[in-house]
Each structure stands twice: as structure tokens, then as C-alpha cells.
C-alpha atoms as a PDB file:
ATOM      1  CA  MET A   1     101.508 129.891 -10.442  1.00  0.00           C
ATOM      2  CA  GLU A   2     100.322 127.061 -12.697  1.00  0.00           C
ATOM      3  CA  ASP A   3      96.736 128.170 -12.088  1.00  0.00           C
ATOM      4  CA  ALA A   4      97.573 131.686 -13.244  1.00  0.00           C
ATOM      5  CA  VAL A   5      99.196 130.336 -16.418  1.00  0.00           C
ATOM      6  CA  LYS A   6      96.201 128.080 -17.119  1.00  0.00           C
ATOM      7  CA  ARG A   7      93.828 130.974 -16.494  1.00  0.00           C
ATOM      8  CA  ALA A   8      95.818 133.250 -18.822  1.00  0.00           C
ATOM      9  CA  GLN A   9      95.831 130.581 -21.534  1.00  0.00           C
ATOM     10  CA  SER A  10      92.101 130.072 -21.052  1.00  0.00           C
ATOM     11  CA  GLU A  11      91.435 133.814 -21.348  1.00  0.00           C
ATOM     12  CA  GLN A  12      93.590 133.982 -24.467  1.00  0.00           C
ATOM     13  CA  GLN A  13      91.645 131.072 -26.010  1.00  0.00           C
ATOM     14  CA  LYS A  14      88.327 132.726 -25.152  1.00  0.00           C
ATOM     15  CA  SER A  15      89.304 135.992 -26.796  1.00  0.00           C
ATOM     16  CA  HIS A  16      90.715 134.097 -29.804  1.00  0.00           C
ATOM     17  CA  ASP A  17      87.441 132.171 -30.198  1.00  0.00           C
ATOM     18  CA  TYR A  18      85.435 135.384 -29.967  1.00  0.00           C
ATOM     19  CA  ALA A  19      87.669 137.142 -32.525  1.00  0.00           C
ATOM     20  CA  VAL A  20      87.299 134.188 -34.916  1.00  0.00           C
ATOM     21  CA  LEU A  21      83.507 134.274 -34.526  1.00  0.00           C
ATOM     22  CA  LEU A  22      83.426 138.047 -35.064  1.00  0.00           C
ATOM     23  CA  ALA A  23      85.339 137.679 -38.329  1.00  0.00           C
ATOM     24  CA  TYR A  24      83.093 134.790 -39.394  1.00  0.00           C
ATOM     25  CA  VAL A  25      79.871 136.708 -38.675  1.00  0.00           C
ATOM     26  CA  GLU A  26      81.085 139.839 -40.472  1.00  0.00           C
ATOM     27  CA  GLU A  27      81.652 137.939 -43.718  1.00  0.00           C
ATOM     28  CA  GLN A  28      78.214 136.268 -43.746  1.00  0.00           C
ATOM     29  CA  PRO A  29      75.608 137.652 -46.188  1.00  0.00           C
ATOM     30  CA  HIS A  30      72.151 138.772 -45.102  1.00  0.00           C
ATOM     31  CA  GLY A  31      69.794 135.825 -44.841  1.00  0.00           C
ATOM     32  CA  ALA A  32      72.589 133.315 -44.203  1.00  0.00           C
ATOM     33  CA  PHE A  33      71.708 130.266 -42.116  1.00  0.00           C
ATOM     34  CA  LEU A  34      74.343 129.859 -39.404  1.00  0.00           C
ATOM     35  CA  GLU A  35      73.948 126.245 -38.404  1.00  0.00           C
ATOM     36  CA  TYR A  36      75.909 125.391 -35.248  1.00  0.00           C
ATOM     37  CA  LYS A  37      77.628 122.408 -36.861  1.00  0.00           C
ATOM     38  CA  MET A  38      78.616 124.470 -39.903  1.00  0.00           C
ATOM     39  CA  VAL A  39      79.976 127.292 -37.716  1.00  0.00           C
ATOM     40  CA  GLU A  40      81.967 124.812 -35.629  1.00  0.00           C
ATOM     41  CA  ASP A  41      83.432 123.187 -38.748  1.00  0.00           C
ATOM     42  CA  SER A  42      84.270 126.543 -40.363  1.00  0.00           C
ATOM     43  CA  THR A  43      85.752 128.282 -37.327  1.00  0.00           C
ATOM     44  CA  GLY A  44      86.999 125.497 -35.086  1.00  0.00           C
ATOM     45  CA  VAL A  45      85.113 127.028 -32.139  1.00  0.00           C
ATOM     46  CA  ALA A  46      83.174 124.383 -30.218  1.00  0.00           C
ATOM     47  CA  MET A  47      79.451 125.137 -30.277  1.00  0.00           C
ATOM     48  CA  ASP A  48      78.774 124.111 -26.709  1.00  0.00           C
ATOM     49  CA  THR A  49      76.877 126.457 -24.381  1.00  0.00           C
ATOM     50  CA  ARG A  50      79.806 128.894 -24.199  1.00  0.00           C
ATOM     51  CA  GLY A  51      80.449 128.780 -27.938  1.00  0.00           C
ATOM     52  CA  LYS A  52      76.800 129.553 -28.684  1.00  0.00           C
ATOM     53  CA  ALA A  53      76.921 132.459 -26.228  1.00  0.00           C
ATOM     54  CA  LYS A  54      80.028 133.816 -27.966  1.00  0.00           C
ATOM     55  CA  LEU A  55      78.299 133.477 -31.333  1.00  0.00           C
ATOM     56  CA  ARG A  56      75.256 135.406 -30.057  1.00  0.00           C
ATOM     57  CA  ARG A  57      77.541 138.118 -28.663  1.00  0.00           C
ATOM     58  CA  ALA A  58      79.330 138.309 -32.013  1.00  0.00           C
ATOM     59  CA  LEU A  59      76.002 138.674 -33.826  1.00  0.00           C
ATOM     60  CA  VAL A  60      74.943 141.498 -31.507  1.00  0.00           C
ATOM     61  CA  HIS A  61      78.379 143.164 -31.712  1.00  0.00           C
ATOM     62  CA  CYS A  62      78.225 143.118 -35.534  1.00  0.00           C
ATOM     63  CA  HIS A  63      74.671 144.526 -35.515  1.00  0.00           C
ATOM     64  CA  ARG A  64      73.310 141.432 -37.241  1.00  0.00           C
ATOM     65  CA  PRO A  65      69.710 140.753 -36.128  1.00  0.00           C
ATOM     66  CA  TYR A  66      68.753 137.094 -36.296  1.00  0.00           C
ATOM     67  CA  LEU A  67      65.978 134.564 -35.927  1.00  0.00           C
ATOM     68  CA  VAL A  68      66.617 131.605 -33.646  1.00  0.00           C
ATOM     69  CA  VAL A  69      66.147 128.127 -35.068  1.00  0.00           C
ATOM     70  CA  ARG A  70      65.936 126.109 -31.873  1.00  0.00           C
ATOM     71  CA  ASP A  71      68.778 123.607 -31.328  1.00  0.00           C
ATOM     72  CA  THR A  72      70.014 124.276 -34.875  1.00  0.00           C
ATOM     73  CA  GLY A  73      71.367 127.801 -35.319  1.00  0.00           C
ATOM     74  CA  TYR A  74      70.442 131.293 -36.481  1.00  0.00           C
ATOM     75  CA  ILE A  75      69.081 132.900 -39.640  1.00  0.00           C
ATOM     76  CA  LEU A  76      70.459 136.373 -40.285  1.00  0.00           C
ATOM     77  CA  SER A  77      67.957 139.098 -41.097  1.00  0.00           C
ATOM     78  CA  THR A  78      66.696 140.026 -44.539  1.00  0.00           C
ATOM     79  CA  ALA A  79      64.109 142.537 -45.696  1.00  0.00           C
ATOM     80  CA  LYS A  80      61.466 139.793 -45.405  1.00  0.00           C
ATOM     81  CA  THR A  81      62.452 138.543 -41.933  1.00  0.00           C
ATOM     82  CA  GLY A  82      63.144 141.936 -40.346  1.00  0.00           C
ATOM     83  CA  GLY A  83      59.525 142.404 -39.291  1.00  0.00           C
ATOM     84  CA  MET A  84      59.412 138.950 -37.721  1.00  0.00           C
ATOM     85  CA  ILE A  85      62.591 139.659 -35.759  1.00  0.00           C
ATOM     86  CA  VAL A  86      61.167 142.917 -34.425  1.00  0.00           C
ATOM     87  CA  ALA A  87      57.865 141.194 -33.581  1.00  0.00           C
ATOM     88  CA  ASP A  88      59.761 138.511 -31.631  1.00  0.00           C
ATOM     89  CA  GLN A  89      61.596 141.209 -29.683  1.00  0.00           C
ATOM     90  CA  VAL A  90      58.325 143.011 -28.912  1.00  0.00           C
ATOM     91  CA  ARG A  91      56.771 139.740 -27.707  1.00  0.00           C
ATOM     92  CA  GLY A  92      59.747 139.326 -25.400  1.00  0.00           C
ATOM     93  CA  VAL A  93      59.281 142.847 -24.017  1.00  0.00           C
ATOM     94  CA  VAL A  94      55.586 142.181 -23.394  1.00  0.00           C
ATOM     95  CA  ARG A  95      56.358 138.880 -21.657  1.00  0.00           C
ATOM     96  CA  ARG A  96      59.084 140.374 -19.437  1.00  0.00           C
ATOM     97  CA  THR A  97      56.937 143.427 -18.628  1.00  0.00           C
ATOM     98  CA  ARG A  98      53.994 141.247 -17.568  1.00  0.00           C
ATOM     99  CA  ARG A  99      56.294 139.245 -15.326  1.00  0.00           C
ATOM    100  CA  ALA A 100      57.704 142.435 -13.792  1.00  0.00           C
ATOM    101  CA  GLN A 101      54.174 143.763 -13.223  1.00  0.00           C
ATOM    102  CA  GLY A 102      53.364 140.557 -11.353  1.00  0.00           C
ATOM    103  CA  VAL A 103      56.435 140.951  -9.161  1.00  0.00           C
ATOM    104  CA  VAL A 104      55.527 144.572  -8.388  1.00  0.00           C
ATOM    105  CA  ALA A 105      51.977 143.510  -7.483  1.00  0.00           C
ATOM    106  CA  ASP A 106      53.321 140.777  -5.195  1.00  0.00           C
ATOM    107  CA  VAL A 107      55.763 143.148  -3.477  1.00  0.00           C
ATOM    108  CA  ARG A 108      53.051 145.789  -3.135  1.00  0.00           C
ATOM    109  CA  GLY A 109      50.587 143.306  -1.685  1.00  0.00           C
ATOM    110  CA  ASN A 110      53.055 141.742   0.726  1.00  0.00           C
ATOM    111  CA  HIS A 111      55.268 144.627   1.862  1.00  0.00           C
ATOM    112  CA  PHE A 112      53.835 148.017   0.862  1.00  0.00           C
ATOM    113  CA  THR A 113      52.757 149.109   4.341  1.00  0.00           C
ATOM    114  CA  GLU A 114      56.124 148.103   5.813  1.00  0.00           C
ATOM    115  CA  MET A 115      58.124 150.083   3.247  1.00  0.00           C
ATOM    116  CA  SER A 116      59.523 153.560   3.817  1.00  0.00           C
ATOM    117  CA  PRO A 117      57.675 156.408   2.083  1.00  0.00           C
ATOM    118  CA  GLU A 118      60.558 156.776  -0.390  1.00  0.00           C
ATOM    119  CA  ALA A 119      60.447 153.070  -1.248  1.00  0.00           C
ATOM    120  CA  GLN A 120      56.647 153.270  -1.653  1.00  0.00           C
ATOM    121  CA  VAL A 121      57.017 156.148  -4.110  1.00  0.00           C
ATOM    122  CA  GLN A 122      59.692 154.251  -6.018  1.00  0.00           C
ATOM    123  CA  LEU A 123      57.490 151.137  -6.187  1.00  0.00           C
ATOM    124  CA  LEU A 124      54.482 153.145  -7.417  1.00  0.00           C
ATOM    125  CA  PHE A 125      56.667 154.864 -10.011  1.00  0.00           C
ATOM    126  CA  SER A 126      57.952 151.474 -11.192  1.00  0.00           C
ATOM    127  CA  GLN A 127      54.402 150.177 -11.414  1.00  0.00           C
ATOM    128  CA  SER A 128      53.264 153.118 -13.546  1.00  0.00           C
ATOM    129  CA  SER A 129      56.380 152.881 -15.756  1.00  0.00           C
ATOM    130  CA  LEU A 130      55.757 149.194 -16.351  1.00  0.00           C
ATOM    131  CA  GLY A 131      52.142 149.964 -17.209  1.00  0.00           C
ATOM    132  CA  ALA A 132      53.226 152.493 -19.833  1.00  0.00           C
ATOM    133  CA  ILE A 133      55.789 150.058 -21.275  1.00  0.00           C
ATOM    134  CA  ALA A 134      53.195 147.273 -21.386  1.00  0.00           C
ATOM    135  CA  LEU A 135      50.656 149.492 -23.153  1.00  0.00           C
ATOM    136  CA  ALA A 136      53.176 150.671 -25.758  1.00  0.00           C
ATOM    137  CA  ALA A 137      54.522 147.165 -26.335  1.00  0.00           C
ATOM    138  CA  GLU A 138      51.050 145.654 -26.710  1.00  0.00           C
ATOM    139  CA  ASN A 139      50.107 148.352 -29.236  1.00  0.00           C
ATOM    140  CA  ASP A 140      53.335 147.687 -31.115  1.00  0.00           C
ATOM    141  CA  GLN A 141      52.687 143.950 -30.965  1.00  0.00           C
ATOM    142  CA  ARG A 142      49.227 144.446 -32.459  1.00  0.00           C
ATOM    143  CA  GLN A 143      50.715 146.528 -35.278  1.00  0.00           C
ATOM    144  CA  TYR A 144      53.460 144.029 -36.121  1.00  0.00           C
ATOM    145  CA  GLY A 145      51.067 141.121 -35.636  1.00  0.00           C
ATOM    146  CA  GLN A 146      48.749 142.594 -38.251  1.00  0.00           C
ATOM    147  CA  GLN A 147      51.592 143.145 -40.727  1.00  0.00           C
ATOM    148  CA  ASN A 148      53.043 139.661 -40.387  1.00  0.00           C
ATOM    149  CA  ARG A 149      49.811 137.706 -40.258  1.00  0.00           C
ATOM    150  CA  PRO A 150      49.133 135.900 -43.563  1.00  0.00           C
ATOM    151  CA  LYS A 151      46.013 137.005 -45.375  1.00  0.00           C
ATOM    152  CA  HIS A 152      43.392 134.294 -45.702  1.00  0.00           C
ATOM    153  CA  ALA A 153      41.834 133.738 -49.073  1.00  0.00           C
ATOM    154  CA  THR A 154      38.075 134.148 -49.195  1.00  0.00           C
ATOM    155  CA  THR A 155      35.779 132.374 -51.579  1.00  0.00           C
ATOM    156  CA  ASP A 156      32.063 132.266 -52.257  1.00  0.00           C
ATOM    157  CA  GLU A 157      32.276 128.835 -53.846  1.00  0.00           C
ATOM    158  CA  ALA A 158      31.026 125.774 -51.988  1.00  0.00           C
ATOM    159  CA  ILE A 159      33.740 123.399 -50.892  1.00  0.00           C
ATOM    160  CA  ALA A 160      33.061 119.795 -51.805  1.00  0.00           C
ATOM    161  CA  LEU A 161      33.652 117.423 -48.899  1.00  0.00           C
ATOM    162  CA  PRO A 162      34.485 113.775 -49.540  1.00  0.00           C
ATOM    163  CA  LEU A 163      31.837 111.267 -48.550  1.00  0.00           C
ATOM    164  CA  PHE A 164      33.010 108.369 -46.452  1.00  0.00           C
ATOM    165  CA  GLY A 165      31.374 104.931 -46.439  1.00  0.00           C
ATOM    166  CA  GLY A 166      29.196 105.181 -49.405  1.00  0.00           C
END
């Protein structure tokens, strides 16, 4: 019985923490920097692994795209960072698709002849679907990569290099 009470209290605390984080995220302006320490101080929710997961869920629930600042926090989207956020997501899709294509190739190479005809068809369909996803994602990545790449200045002037030793 004590275990059930502890579990119920734990569940209540979890939902309370999540509700507090939802309210906190909703009131943040676009472009706000949500530093873990600041969030913990403002909300009282510990920013351990579970607290960070709850914060990410709250950001997704509130439809607030974000950039990750590793080991520090999140930056909420703005008009300037929106393209970078989308480009990061596309890079993730490309990476996961390549990994899935590798798994399909391994399964096909190791087990294709042993599989039932239905499973073979399903594997071939998955392989072609992943190919289409990879092609679309790579094209999208090229497009966003071009938009977000800084333009390099060009000059016809000679650049003076310092002379060392004399």
C-alpha cells in the first residue's frame, strides 16, 4: 500500500512539474534563451535528465521550435533562426535515413533468401521508400544549406602578408 501511495505522489509531482514547465514555456517570448539553471530557478523543477525531457516535451507541446545549446539550454525560434532549425531537422532526417538504409542493406544481404515472399516485398518496399526519403531530404538539405551559408566577400585587391624574421 505504501508503494501505491508513493507512486501516486510521484505521478502527481511529475504532472505538476510538467504543468509548471508548460506555463513557463508559454510565457516566453520568441528568441528567448532558456538556460537550464534559469529554468530550474524560475520553476523549481530540477533540470536533471527527466527535467530536461519534460522541458523538451513542453516545448514541442507548445509548438515552440528551438535550437539546442549543448549542456546549457535552448534558444526559442525567431525569424532569423527558423531556417537553421529546419536545416537541423533535415540533417537529422538524412542521418536517420542513411542509418536505416544501412540496416535494410544488412538485412537484405544476410537474410533475404530466407525470408518469405511477403517479407521480401515488404523489405524491398521499405528500401525504395527510404531511397525516396533520402533523395528528398538531401535536396532539401542542399536548398537550406545554400540559404544559410554565409556569403564570402570577394576582392581583387592583393592581401599584404606580414614578413617574419626580417
